[in-house]
C-alpha atoms as a PDB file:
ATOM      1  CA  UNK A   1     167.061 -20.767  82.562  1.00  0.00           C
ATOM      2  CA  UNK A   2     166.301 -23.513  81.639  1.00  0.00           C
ATOM      3  CA  UNK A   3     165.125 -23.172  78.336  1.00  0.00           C
ATOM      4  CA  UNK A   4     161.283 -24.048  76.954  1.00  0.00           C
ATOM      5  CA  UNK A   5     160.486 -27.121  74.226  1.00  0.00           C
ATOM      6  CA  UNK A   6     157.798 -25.433  72.999  1.00  0.00           C
ATOM      7  CA  UNK A   7     154.892 -22.573  73.518  1.00  0.00           C
ATOM      8  CA  UNK A   8     151.462 -22.590  72.668  1.00  0.00           C
ATOM      9  CA  UNK A   9     148.879 -20.623  73.489  1.00  0.00           C
ATOM     10  CA  UNK A  10     145.294 -21.339  74.074  1.00  0.00           C
ATOM     11  CA  UNK A  11     142.605 -18.792  72.791  1.00  0.00           C
ATOM     12  CA  UNK A  12     139.958 -20.954  74.645  1.00  0.00           C
ATOM     13  CA  UNK A  13     139.472 -24.019  77.478  1.00  0.00           C
ATOM     14  CA  UNK A  14     137.474 -25.852  75.463  1.00  0.00           C
ATOM     15  CA  UNK A  15     140.038 -25.985  72.955  1.00  0.00           C
ATOM     16  CA  UNK A  16     142.030 -29.737  73.679  1.00  0.00           C
ATOM     17  CA  UNK A  17     145.417 -29.707  74.209  1.00  0.00           C
ATOM     18  CA  UNK A  18     148.026 -30.914  72.432  1.00  0.00           C
ATOM     19  CA  UNK A  19     150.135 -33.072  71.797  1.00  0.00           C
ATOM     20  CA  UNK A  20     153.544 -31.337  72.618  1.00  0.00           C
ATOM     21  CA  UNK A  21     151.898 -29.090  75.102  1.00  0.00           C
ATOM     22  CA  UNK A  22     154.270 -26.153  76.719  1.00  0.00           C
ATOM     23  CA  UNK A  23     153.755 -23.452  78.678  1.00  0.00           C
ATOM     24  CA  UNK A  24     150.191 -22.456  78.962  1.00  0.00           C
ATOM     25  CA  UNK A  25     149.324 -18.815  78.519  1.00  0.00           C
ATOM     26  CA  UNK A  26     145.240 -18.206  79.333  1.00  0.00           C
ATOM     27  CA  UNK A  27     144.365 -16.793  82.601  1.00  0.00           C
ATOM     28  CA  UNK A  28     143.909 -19.824  85.773  1.00  0.00           C
ATOM     29  CA  UNK A  29     140.183 -20.634  86.157  1.00  0.00           C
ATOM     30  CA  UNK A  30     139.063 -23.597  88.624  1.00  0.00           C
ATOM     31  CA  UNK A  31     139.555 -26.544  86.846  1.00  0.00           C
ATOM     32  CA  UNK A  32     135.201 -27.875  86.605  1.00  0.00           C
ATOM     33  CA  UNK A  33     135.675 -30.561  89.048  1.00  0.00           C
ATOM     34  CA  UNK A  34     136.997 -29.301  91.586  1.00  0.00           C
ATOM     35  CA  UNK A  35     136.684 -30.179  95.208  1.00  0.00           C
ATOM     36  CA  UNK A  36     137.196 -29.376  99.168  1.00  0.00           C
ATOM     37  CA  UNK A  37     140.689 -30.248 100.215  1.00  0.00           C
ATOM     38  CA  UNK A  38     141.425 -28.480 103.577  1.00  0.00           C
ATOM     39  CA  UNK A  39     144.240 -30.595 105.889  1.00  0.00           C
ATOM     40  CA  UNK A  40     143.771 -30.460 109.138  1.00  0.00           C
ATOM     41  CA  UNK A  41     146.118 -28.493 111.195  1.00  0.00           C
ATOM     42  CA  UNK A  42     144.516 -31.206 114.747  1.00  0.00           C
ATOM     43  CA  UNK A  43     146.226 -34.449 112.176  1.00  0.00           C
ATOM     44  CA  UNK A  44     149.546 -35.529 113.916  1.00  0.00           C
ATOM     45  CA  UNK A  45     152.092 -37.906 111.443  1.00  0.00           C
ATOM     46  CA  UNK A  46     152.875 -41.127 113.017  1.00  0.00           C
ATOM     47  CA  UNK A  47     157.251 -41.752 112.123  1.00  0.00           C
ATOM     48  CA  UNK A  48     158.980 -43.920 113.964  1.00  0.00           C
ATOM     49  CA  UNK A  49     161.845 -45.223 111.171  1.00  0.00           C
ATOM     50  CA  UNK A  50     163.393 -42.530 109.581  1.00  0.00           C
ATOM     51  CA  UNK A  51     162.529 -40.001 106.754  1.00  0.00           C
ATOM     52  CA  UNK A  52     164.180 -40.837 103.143  1.00  0.00           C
ATOM     53  CA  UNK A  53     165.392 -37.700 103.182  1.00  0.00           C
ATOM     54  CA  UNK A  54     167.212 -38.334 106.275  1.00  0.00           C
ATOM     55  CA  UNK A  55     168.212 -41.607 106.114  1.00  0.00           C
ATOM     56  CA  UNK A  56     171.075 -44.116 104.440  1.00  0.00           C
ATOM     57  CA  UNK A  57     167.613 -45.248 102.267  1.00  0.00           C
ATOM     58  CA  UNK A  58     168.561 -41.381 100.041  1.00  0.00           C
ATOM     59  CA  UNK A  59     170.337 -41.925  97.631  1.00  0.00           C
ATOM     60  CA  UNK A  60     172.495 -40.245  94.195  1.00  0.00           C
ATOM     61  CA  UNK A  61     169.996 -37.636  92.504  1.00  0.00           C
ATOM     62  CA  UNK A  62     168.697 -39.517  89.657  1.00  0.00           C
ATOM     63  CA  UNK A  63     167.646 -37.946  86.766  1.00  0.00           C
ATOM     64  CA  UNK A  64     164.632 -40.217  86.282  1.00  0.00           C
ATOM     65  CA  UNK A  65     162.815 -42.519  87.628  1.00  0.00           C
ATOM     66  CA  UNK A  66     159.486 -43.933  87.091  1.00  0.00           C
ATOM     67  CA  UNK A  67     158.059 -46.602  88.960  1.00  0.00           C
ATOM     68  CA  UNK A  68     155.507 -48.252  85.929  1.00  0.00           C
ATOM     69  CA  UNK A  69     158.229 -48.660  84.502  1.00  0.00           C
ATOM     70  CA  UNK A  70     161.425 -49.783  86.922  1.00  0.00           C
ATOM     71  CA  UNK A  71     164.469 -51.349  85.386  1.00  0.00           C
ATOM     72  CA  UNK A  72     161.767 -52.961  82.799  1.00  0.00           C
ATOM     73  CA  UNK A  73     158.964 -53.372  85.999  1.00  0.00           C
ATOM     74  CA  UNK A  74     155.422 -52.043  86.554  1.00  0.00           C
ATOM     75  CA  UNK A  75     154.224 -51.754  90.537  1.00  0.00           C
ATOM     76  CA  UNK A  76     151.597 -49.679  89.857  1.00  0.00           C
ATOM     77  CA  UNK A  77     148.218 -51.189  90.842  1.00  0.00           C
ATOM     78  CA  UNK A  78     145.036 -50.107  88.409  1.00  0.00           C
ATOM     79  CA  UNK A  79     144.287 -46.546  87.340  1.00  0.00           C
ATOM     80  CA  UNK A  80     140.770 -45.713  87.891  1.00  0.00           C
ATOM     81  CA  UNK A  81     138.099 -42.693  86.856  1.00  0.00           C
ATOM     82  CA  UNK A  82     136.400 -41.257  90.145  1.00  0.00           C
ATOM     83  CA  UNK A  83     133.511 -39.533  87.910  1.00  0.00           C
ATOM     84  CA  UNK A  84     131.753 -43.666  87.462  1.00  0.00           C
ATOM     85  CA  UNK A  85     128.983 -44.257  87.302  1.00  0.00           C
ATOM     86  CA  UNK A  86     127.959 -41.137  88.700  1.00  0.00           C
ATOM     87  CA  UNK A  87     130.120 -37.576  89.436  1.00  0.00           C
ATOM     88  CA  UNK A  88     132.247 -37.749  92.879  1.00  0.00           C
ATOM     89  CA  UNK A  89     135.127 -35.338  94.041  1.00  0.00           C
ATOM     90  CA  UNK A  90     136.971 -38.670  95.917  1.00  0.00           C
ATOM     91  CA  UNK A  91     139.891 -37.577  93.882  1.00  0.00           C
ATOM     92  CA  UNK A  92     141.842 -37.390  97.977  1.00  0.00           C
ATOM     93  CA  UNK A  93     141.160 -40.825  98.020  1.00  0.00           C
ATOM     94  CA  UNK A  94     141.825 -42.614  95.480  1.00  0.00           C
ATOM     95  CA  UNK A  95     144.951 -40.667  95.285  1.00  0.00           C
ATOM     96  CA  UNK A  96     146.150 -42.513  98.920  1.00  0.00           C
ATOM     97  CA  UNK A  97     144.216 -45.572  98.257  1.00  0.00           C
ATOM     98  CA  UNK A  98     146.359 -46.464  94.354  1.00  0.00           C
ATOM     99  CA  UNK A  99     149.576 -45.253  96.772  1.00  0.00           C
ATOM    100  CA  UNK A 100     149.270 -47.901  98.817  1.00  0.00           C
ATOM    101  CA  UNK A 101     148.298 -50.863  96.309  1.00  0.00           C
ATOM    102  CA  UNK A 102     151.446 -49.206  94.496  1.00  0.00           C
ATOM    103  CA  UNK A 103     153.458 -50.082  97.548  1.00  0.00           C
ATOM    104  CA  UNK A 104     151.924 -52.888  98.300  1.00  0.00           C
ATOM    105  CA  UNK A 105     152.881 -53.712  95.816  1.00  0.00           C
ATOM    106  CA  UNK A 106     157.029 -52.999  95.627  1.00  0.00           C
ATOM    107  CA  UNK A 107     156.700 -54.075  98.791  1.00  0.00           C
ATOM    108  CA  UNK A 108     155.641 -57.594  97.624  1.00  0.00           C
ATOM    109  CA  UNK A 109     158.414 -57.712  94.116  1.00  0.00           C
ATOM    110  CA  UNK A 110     154.983 -57.109  92.341  1.00  0.00           C
ATOM    111  CA  UNK A 111     154.393 -60.471  92.942  1.00  0.00           C
ATOM    112  CA  UNK A 112     150.374 -61.534  92.172  1.00  0.00           C
ATOM    113  CA  UNK A 113     148.351 -60.814  92.052  1.00  0.00           C
ATOM    114  CA  UNK A 114     148.051 -56.913  92.015  1.00  0.00           C
ATOM    115  CA  UNK A 115     146.674 -55.102  95.010  1.00  0.00           C
ATOM    116  CA  UNK A 116     142.894 -52.975  94.520  1.00  0.00           C
ATOM    117  CA  UNK A 117     141.407 -50.979  97.535  1.00  0.00           C
ATOM    118  CA  UNK A 118     138.445 -50.280  97.953  1.00  0.00           C
ATOM    119  CA  UNK A 119     138.021 -46.912  97.522  1.00  0.00           C
ATOM    120  CA  UNK A 120     134.154 -47.319  98.271  1.00  0.00           C
ATOM    121  CA  UNK A 121     134.741 -48.573 101.825  1.00  0.00           C
ATOM    122  CA  UNK A 122     136.760 -45.202 102.311  1.00  0.00           C
ATOM    123  CA  UNK A 123     134.482 -43.168 100.930  1.00  0.00           C
ATOM    124  CA  UNK A 124     131.930 -45.065 103.479  1.00  0.00           C
ATOM    125  CA  UNK A 125     133.735 -45.884 106.599  1.00  0.00           C
ATOM    126  CA  UNK A 126     136.979 -43.574 106.606  1.00  0.00           C
ATOM    127  CA  UNK A 127     136.291 -40.130 107.958  1.00  0.00           C
ATOM    128  CA  UNK A 128     138.636 -38.979 105.857  1.00  0.00           C
ATOM    129  CA  UNK A 129     135.541 -36.836 103.399  1.00  0.00           C
ATOM    130  CA  UNK A 130     133.364 -37.720 100.952  1.00  0.00           C
ATOM    131  CA  UNK A 131     132.252 -37.019  97.509  1.00  0.00           C
ATOM    132  CA  UNK A 132     133.084 -33.019  98.064  1.00  0.00           C
ATOM    133  CA  UNK A 133     135.997 -33.838  98.698  1.00  0.00           C
ATOM    134  CA  UNK A 134     138.262 -34.138 101.411  1.00  0.00           C
ATOM    135  CA  UNK A 135     142.333 -35.065 102.870  1.00  0.00           C
ATOM    136  CA  UNK A 136     143.852 -38.002 101.695  1.00  0.00           C
ATOM    137  CA  UNK A 137     146.730 -37.928 104.930  1.00  0.00           C
ATOM    138  CA  UNK A 138     143.304 -38.532 106.482  1.00  0.00           C
ATOM    139  CA  UNK A 139     142.948 -42.676 104.642  1.00  0.00           C
ATOM    140  CA  UNK A 140     146.477 -43.121 105.842  1.00  0.00           C
ATOM    141  CA  UNK A 141     144.791 -42.544 109.706  1.00  0.00           C
ATOM    142  CA  UNK A 142     142.732 -44.938 108.472  1.00  0.00           C
ATOM    143  CA  UNK A 143     144.458 -47.055 107.337  1.00  0.00           C
ATOM    144  CA  UNK A 144     146.416 -47.901 110.230  1.00  0.00           C
ATOM    145  CA  UNK A 145     144.082 -47.689 112.686  1.00  0.00           C
ATOM    146  CA  UNK A 146     141.090 -49.829 110.705  1.00  0.00           C
ATOM    147  CA  UNK A 147     143.141 -51.111 107.553  1.00  0.00           C
ATOM    148  CA  UNK A 148     141.669 -50.588 104.329  1.00  0.00           C
ATOM    149  CA  UNK A 149     139.966 -53.884 102.117  1.00  0.00           C
ATOM    150  CA  UNK A 150     140.400 -55.472  98.749  1.00  0.00           C
ATOM    151  CA  UNK A 151     138.335 -53.967  96.191  1.00  0.00           C
ATOM    152  CA  UNK A 152     136.640 -56.698  95.874  1.00  0.00           C
ATOM    153  CA  UNK A 153     134.612 -56.455  98.980  1.00  0.00           C
ATOM    154  CA  UNK A 154     132.941 -53.233  98.775  1.00  0.00           C
ATOM    155  CA  UNK A 155     133.155 -52.200  94.503  1.00  0.00           C
ATOM    156  CA  UNK A 156     133.171 -48.228  93.846  1.00  0.00           C
ATOM    157  CA  UNK A 157     129.650 -46.664  93.645  1.00  0.00           C
ATOM    158  CA  UNK A 158     130.927 -43.064  93.938  1.00  0.00           C
ATOM    159  CA  UNK A 159     127.768 -42.281  96.519  1.00  0.00           C
ATOM    160  CA  UNK A 160     129.436 -41.983 100.374  1.00  0.00           C
ATOM    161  CA  UNK A 161     127.375 -44.270 102.610  1.00  0.00           C
ATOM    162  CA  UNK A 162     125.212 -41.889 104.900  1.00  0.00           C
ATOM    163  CA  UNK A 163     126.663 -44.727 107.873  1.00  0.00           C
ATOM    164  CA  UNK A 164     128.677 -47.121 108.073  1.00  0.00           C
ATOM    165  CA  UNK A 165     127.857 -50.934 108.415  1.00  0.00           C
ATOM    166  CA  UNK A 166     129.502 -53.862 107.708  1.00  0.00           C
ATOM    167  CA  UNK A 167     127.971 -54.817 104.867  1.00  0.00           C
ATOM    168  CA  UNK A 168     130.065 -51.316 103.995  1.00  0.00           C
ATOM    169  CA  UNK A 169     133.419 -53.181 105.223  1.00  0.00           C
ATOM    170  CA  UNK A 170     132.997 -56.455 103.194  1.00  0.00           C
ATOM    171  CA  UNK A 171     129.433 -58.502 101.403  1.00  0.00           C
ATOM    172  CA  UNK A 172     128.679 -60.492  99.446  1.00  0.00           C
ATOM    173  CA  UNK A 173     125.923 -61.237  97.809  1.00  0.00           C
ATOM    174  CA  UNK A 174     124.253 -64.935  96.276  1.00  0.00           C
ATOM    175  CA  UNK A 175     121.613 -66.268  93.613  1.00  0.00           C
ATOM    176  CA  UNK A 176     119.458 -67.007  96.771  1.00  0.00           C
ATOM    177  CA  UNK A 177     116.332 -65.366  98.689  1.00  0.00           C
ATOM    178  CA  UNK A 178     116.563 -62.747  96.161  1.00  0.00           C
ATOM    179  CA  UNK A 179     120.004 -62.639  95.734  1.00  0.00           C
ATOM    180  CA  UNK A 180     120.543 -61.133  98.901  1.00  0.00           C
ATOM    181  CA  UNK A 181     123.761 -59.813 100.302  1.00  0.00           C
ATOM    182  CA  UNK A 182     124.991 -60.375 103.391  1.00  0.00           C
ATOM    183  CA  UNK A 183     128.327 -59.448 105.772  1.00  0.00           C
ATOM    184  CA  UNK A 184     131.023 -61.463 105.480  1.00  0.00           C
ATOM    185  CA  UNK A 185     133.683 -61.335 107.986  1.00  0.00           C
ATOM    186  CA  UNK A 186     136.031 -63.548 107.192  1.00  0.00           C
ATOM    187  CA  UNK A 187     138.326 -60.964 104.933  1.00  0.00           C
ATOM    188  CA  UNK A 188     141.813 -59.044 105.076  1.00  0.00           C
ATOM    189  CA  UNK A 189     142.733 -56.341 105.295  1.00  0.00           C
ATOM    190  CA  UNK A 190     145.898 -53.553 104.521  1.00  0.00           C
ATOM    191  CA  UNK A 191     146.997 -52.137 107.722  1.00  0.00           C
ATOM    192  CA  UNK A 192     149.707 -48.859 108.081  1.00  0.00           C
ATOM    193  CA  UNK A 193     152.460 -48.760 110.449  1.00  0.00           C
ATOM    194  CA  UNK A 194     153.283 -44.729 109.582  1.00  0.00           C
ATOM    195  CA  UNK A 195     151.972 -41.905 107.677  1.00  0.00           C
ATOM    196  CA  UNK A 196     153.584 -38.643 107.677  1.00  0.00           C
ATOM    197  CA  UNK A 197     153.738 -35.423 105.488  1.00  0.00           C
ATOM    198  CA  UNK A 198     156.141 -34.369 102.970  1.00  0.00           C
ATOM    199  CA  UNK A 199     157.369 -30.989 100.694  1.00  0.00           C
ATOM    200  CA  UNK A 200     159.590 -30.034  98.159  1.00  0.00           C
ATOM    201  CA  UNK A 201     161.106 -31.673  94.842  1.00  0.00           C
ATOM    202  CA  UNK A 202     164.758 -33.093  97.780  1.00  0.00           C
ATOM    203  CA  UNK A 203     162.120 -35.269  99.981  1.00  0.00           C
ATOM    204  CA  UNK A 204     159.443 -35.653  97.673  1.00  0.00           C
ATOM    205  CA  UNK A 205     162.359 -38.169  95.554  1.00  0.00           C
ATOM    206  CA  UNK A 206     163.077 -39.312  98.494  1.00  0.00           C
ATOM    207  CA  UNK A 207     160.574 -40.403  99.926  1.00  0.00           C
ATOM    208  CA  UNK A 208     159.337 -41.617  95.957  1.00  0.00           C
ATOM    209  CA  UNK A 209     162.290 -43.526  95.362  1.00  0.00           C
ATOM    210  CA  UNK A 210     162.044 -45.438  98.512  1.00  0.00           C
ATOM    211  CA  UNK A 211     158.997 -45.617  99.789  1.00  0.00           C
ATOM    212  CA  UNK A 212     156.900 -45.504  95.830  1.00  0.00           C
ATOM    213  CA  UNK A 213     154.593 -42.169  95.064  1.00  0.00           C
ATOM    214  CA  UNK A 214     152.951 -40.070  97.526  1.00  0.00           C
ATOM    215  CA  UNK A 215     149.323 -37.818  96.978  1.00  0.00           C
ATOM    216  CA  UNK A 216     149.886 -34.418  96.534  1.00  0.00           C
ATOM    217  CA  UNK A 217     147.584 -32.001  96.539  1.00  0.00           C
ATOM    218  CA  UNK A 218     146.664 -29.515  93.409  1.00  0.00           C
ATOM    219  CA  UNK A 219     145.389 -26.308  92.614  1.00  0.00           C
ATOM    220  CA  UNK A 220     143.577 -27.996  89.211  1.00  0.00           C
ATOM    221  CA  UNK A 221     142.252 -25.663  86.073  1.00  0.00           C
ATOM    222  CA  UNK A 222     140.167 -25.098  83.806  1.00  0.00           C
ATOM    223  CA  UNK A 223     143.924 -25.988  81.348  1.00  0.00           C
ATOM    224  CA  UNK A 224     144.879 -28.903  83.335  1.00  0.00           C
ATOM    225  CA  UNK A 225     140.861 -29.927  82.112  1.00  0.00           C
ATOM    226  CA  UNK A 226     141.470 -30.397  78.959  1.00  0.00           C
ATOM    227  CA  UNK A 227     144.944 -31.908  79.070  1.00  0.00           C
ATOM    228  CA  UNK A 228     145.662 -34.614  76.517  1.00  0.00           C
ATOM    229  CA  UNK A 229     149.721 -34.314  77.187  1.00  0.00           C
ATOM    230  CA  UNK A 230     153.104 -32.978  77.189  1.00  0.00           C
ATOM    231  CA  UNK A 231     154.535 -30.799  80.393  1.00  0.00           C
ATOM    232  CA  UNK A 232     152.595 -29.161  81.811  1.00  0.00           C
ATOM    233  CA  UNK A 233     152.648 -25.362  82.525  1.00  0.00           C
ATOM    234  CA  UNK A 234     150.116 -22.902  83.174  1.00  0.00           C
ATOM    235  CA  UNK A 235     151.536 -19.094  85.686  1.00  0.00           C
ATOM    236  CA  UNK A 236     149.678 -19.596  88.861  1.00  0.00           C
ATOM    237  CA  UNK A 237     150.109 -17.407  91.346  1.00  0.00           C
ATOM    238  CA  UNK A 238     146.568 -18.797  93.407  1.00  0.00           C
ATOM    239  CA  UNK A 239     147.277 -22.470  95.437  1.00  0.00           C
ATOM    240  CA  UNK A 240     144.901 -23.651  97.510  1.00  0.00           C
ATOM    241  CA  UNK A 241     144.469 -26.905  97.069  1.00  0.00           C
ATOM    242  CA  UNK A 242     141.454 -28.752  94.880  1.00  0.00           C
ATOM    243  CA  UNK A 243     142.599 -31.791  94.513  1.00  0.00           C
ATOM    244  CA  UNK A 244     144.603 -34.099  94.599  1.00  0.00           C
ATOM    245  CA  UNK A 245     146.740 -36.453  92.994  1.00  0.00           C
ATOM    246  CA  UNK A 246     149.208 -38.688  93.030  1.00  0.00           C
ATOM    247  CA  UNK A 247     152.420 -38.285  92.390  1.00  0.00           C
ATOM    248  CA  UNK A 248     155.024 -41.804  90.742  1.00  0.00           C
ATOM    249  CA  UNK A 249     157.856 -40.050  89.508  1.00  0.00           C
ATOM    250  CA  UNK A 250     159.977 -38.261  88.127  1.00  0.00           C
ATOM    251  CA  UNK A 251     162.003 -37.006  84.107  1.00  0.00           C
ATOM    252  CA  UNK A 252     163.938 -34.150  82.413  1.00  0.00           C
ATOM    253  CA  UNK A 253     162.828 -34.098  78.861  1.00  0.00           C
ATOM    254  CA  UNK A 254     164.792 -31.598  76.717  1.00  0.00           C
ATOM    255  CA  UNK A 255     166.668 -29.689  79.836  1.00  0.00           C
ATOM    256  CA  UNK A 256     163.525 -29.627  81.451  1.00  0.00           C
ATOM    257  CA  UNK A 257     162.861 -31.602  84.790  1.00  0.00           C
ATOM    258  CA  UNK A 258     158.972 -32.388  85.730  1.00  0.00           C
ATOM    259  CA  UNK A 259     156.788 -34.990  87.917  1.00  0.00           C
ATOM    260  CA  UNK A 260     155.254 -38.118  86.358  1.00  0.00           C
ATOM    261  CA  UNK A 261     151.662 -37.610  88.388  1.00  0.00           C
ATOM    262  CA  UNK A 262     148.179 -39.756  88.377  1.00  0.00           C
ATOM    263  CA  UNK A 263     145.121 -38.725  87.752  1.00  0.00           C
ATOM    264  CA  UNK A 264     141.486 -39.945  88.175  1.00  0.00           C
ATOM    265  CA  UNK A 265     139.761 -39.305  85.518  1.00  0.00           C
ATOM    266  CA  UNK A 266     140.697 -42.330  83.246  1.00  0.00           C
ATOM    267  CA  UNK A 267     142.937 -43.673  81.352  1.00  0.00           C
ATOM    268  CA  UNK A 268     141.680 -41.784  78.544  1.00  0.00           C
ATOM    269  CA  UNK A 269     142.490 -38.732  79.838  1.00  0.00           C
ATOM    270  CA  UNK A 270     146.129 -36.917  79.118  1.00  0.00           C
ATOM    271  CA  UNK A 271     148.291 -39.467  79.066  1.00  0.00           C
ATOM    272  CA  UNK A 272     146.611 -42.537  79.331  1.00  0.00           C
ATOM    273  CA  UNK A 273     145.300 -41.088  83.061  1.00  0.00           C
ATOM    274  CA  UNK A 274     149.191 -39.493  83.956  1.00  0.00           C
ATOM    275  CA  UNK A 275     149.967 -36.298  83.032  1.00  0.00           C
ATOM    276  CA  UNK A 276     153.645 -35.035  83.904  1.00  0.00           C
ATOM    277  CA  UNK A 277     154.234 -30.863  85.057  1.00  0.00           C
ATOM    278  CA  UNK A 278     157.715 -28.171  85.987  1.00  0.00           C
ATOM    279  CA  UNK A 279     159.022 -29.133  89.528  1.00  0.00           C
ATOM    280  CA  UNK A 280     160.375 -26.244  91.277  1.00  0.00           C
ATOM    281  CA  UNK A 281     163.512 -25.493  89.773  1.00  0.00           C
ATOM    282  CA  UNK A 282     161.818 -24.530  85.714  1.00  0.00           C
ATOM    283  CA  UNK A 283     162.617 -21.625  85.015  1.00  0.00           C
ATOM    284  CA  UNK A 284     165.379 -20.402  87.554  1.00  0.00           C
ATOM    285  CA  UNK A 285     163.123 -22.286  90.510  1.00  0.00           C
ATOM    286  CA  UNK A 286     160.464 -20.858  90.198  1.00  0.00           C
ATOM    287  CA  UNK A 287     158.352 -23.670  89.439  1.00  0.00           C
ATOM    288  CA  UNK A 288     156.089 -23.414  92.303  1.00  0.00           C
ATOM    289  CA  UNK A 289     154.163 -21.056  89.946  1.00  0.00           C
ATOM    290  CA  UNK A 290     154.026 -22.814  87.197  1.00  0.00           C
ATOM    291  CA  UNK A 291     153.055 -26.628  88.618  1.00  0.00           C
ATOM    292  CA  UNK A 292     149.582 -26.029  90.467  1.00  0.00           C
ATOM    293  CA  UNK A 293     152.160 -25.945  93.545  1.00  0.00           C
ATOM    294  CA  UNK A 294     152.070 -29.675  93.665  1.00  0.00           C
ATOM    295  CA  UNK A 295     155.083 -29.778  95.738  1.00  0.00           C
ATOM    296  CA  UNK A 296     153.613 -27.954  98.845  1.00  0.00           C
ATOM    297  CA  UNK A 297     151.417 -30.671 100.470  1.00  0.00           C
ATOM    298  CA  UNK A 298     151.935 -34.373 100.091  1.00  0.00           C
ATOM    299  CA  UNK A 299     151.509 -37.343 102.308  1.00  0.00           C
ATOM    300  CA  UNK A 300     152.006 -40.987 102.465  1.00  0.00           C
ATOM    301  CA  UNK A 301     151.247 -43.512 104.636  1.00  0.00           C
ATOM    302  CA  UNK A 302     154.236 -46.882 104.884  1.00  0.00           C
ATOM    303  CA  UNK A 303     151.719 -49.940 104.576  1.00  0.00           C
ATOM    304  CA  UNK A 304     152.916 -52.291 106.342  1.00  0.00           C
ATOM    305  CA  UNK A 305     150.643 -56.318 105.933  1.00  0.00           C
ATOM    306  CA  UNK A 306     147.471 -58.199 105.889  1.00  0.00           C
ATOM    307  CA  UNK A 307     145.585 -58.254 108.671  1.00  0.00           C
ATOM    308  CA  UNK A 308     142.725 -60.245 109.721  1.00  0.00           C
ATOM    309  CA  UNK A 309     139.554 -58.655 109.993  1.00  0.00           C
ATOM    310  CA  UNK A 310     138.432 -60.189 113.034  1.00  0.00           C
ATOM    311  CA  UNK A 311     142.102 -59.178 114.378  1.00  0.00           C
ATOM    312  CA  UNK A 312     141.020 -55.677 113.661  1.00  0.00           C
ATOM    313  CA  UNK A 313     138.522 -55.940 115.625  1.00  0.00           C
ATOM    314  CA  UNK A 314     135.592 -56.316 113.101  1.00  0.00           C
ATOM    315  CA  UNK A 315     132.743 -58.668 113.251  1.00  0.00           C
ATOM    316  CA  UNK A 316     129.547 -59.126 110.450  1.00  0.00           C
ATOM    317  CA  UNK A 317     127.390 -58.190 112.619  1.00  0.00           C
ATOM    318  CA  UNK A 318     125.634 -55.310 110.477  1.00  0.00           C
ATOM    319  CA  UNK A 319     126.044 -51.802 113.462  1.00  0.00           C
ATOM    320  CA  UNK A 320     128.034 -49.609 112.680  1.00  0.00           C
ATOM    321  CA  UNK A 321     127.766 -48.871 115.862  1.00  0.00           C
ATOM    322  CA  UNK A 322     129.879 -51.226 116.518  1.00  0.00           C
ATOM    323  CA  UNK A 323     132.649 -50.204 114.531  1.00  0.00           C
ATOM    324  CA  UNK A 324     133.038 -47.115 115.971  1.00  0.00           C
ATOM    325  CA  UNK A 325     133.470 -47.402 118.812  1.00  0.00           C
ATOM    326  CA  UNK A 326     136.616 -50.122 117.678  1.00  0.00           C
ATOM    327  CA  UNK A 327     137.954 -47.758 115.121  1.00  0.00           C
ATOM    328  CA  UNK A 328     138.031 -44.832 118.177  1.00  0.00           C
ATOM    329  CA  UNK A 329     139.743 -47.630 120.891  1.00  0.00           C
ATOM    330  CA  UNK A 330     142.566 -48.559 118.463  1.00  0.00           C
ATOM    331  CA  UNK A 331     142.813 -44.949 118.060  1.00  0.00           C
ATOM    332  CA  UNK A 332     143.254 -44.527 120.946  1.00  0.00           C
ATOM    333  CA  UNK A 333     145.147 -47.329 122.157  1.00  0.00           C
ATOM    334  CA  UNK A 334     147.684 -46.567 118.552  1.00  0.00           C
ATOM    335  CA  UNK A 335     147.421 -48.219 114.629  1.00  0.00           C
ATOM    336  CA  UNK A 336     147.789 -51.864 114.669  1.00  0.00           C
ATOM    337  CA  UNK A 337     150.766 -52.688 114.440  1.00  0.00           C
END
């Protein structure tokens, strides 16, 4: 049996989280930020190459790995806060876009400039969800068929557009004509070639080490809401997804193995926007009942290139119907490569 380093009793969810957290003994209750995370049964992964767990890319057991500091290099993109300038349950979009940005940074060997993708574009046009919830796997599918532009094309407003238009793809404004804004036609979008799902400790570690962070659904609780540090462990048999985060690595502390995950609640939350939680190995392999189900439903995408918007079929015309037709046609033909 793996040993616990500290036991902390929280008598109220309003209490702040101690610096070195251990087992949470309060009853689990859904996070106040819980949203609808519903995997689509019609979703079809697009896997073109051997998965890391089944290929020569897979390495032997590695005690720890962290893309924030891989041989002294940080490959991660900027951390976000999904709840400003107004509340929005866009965790699914934040998780997927951060993973894709991280993986593109990894592929480019952390070369300047660091990647930051438009979460707002995904909210407005991705068809994967809105501020009431969504599913990250559909974001990777959208990136395969349409690509995702940079944050500088469509900055985060935390309000989903009712209709996807060219202004929701990429736009800019001028000091002339009453500060008029207009679509931009000459810009790049990050395109994905493969996307799929992964679960379980071994497969997750292989995927993360070989290709970068992955997005995972969890059953977030009120204890996670007030987390400020340490290794999170709270018994909860309910693993129904209500939040999505990204997993960027793993490690061991005092004999307890943990996942390193990035949240999208701001860097003032948790450990500079990150948290750690036990793996399924915890307490003789019962960890899935203590880590919010973080290993049960994860997904990934493989970014391939930056492609011009025009080459992907986008125009500067402000017509959402035209985009919808382009997206639908691309899905029928298969992802751009």
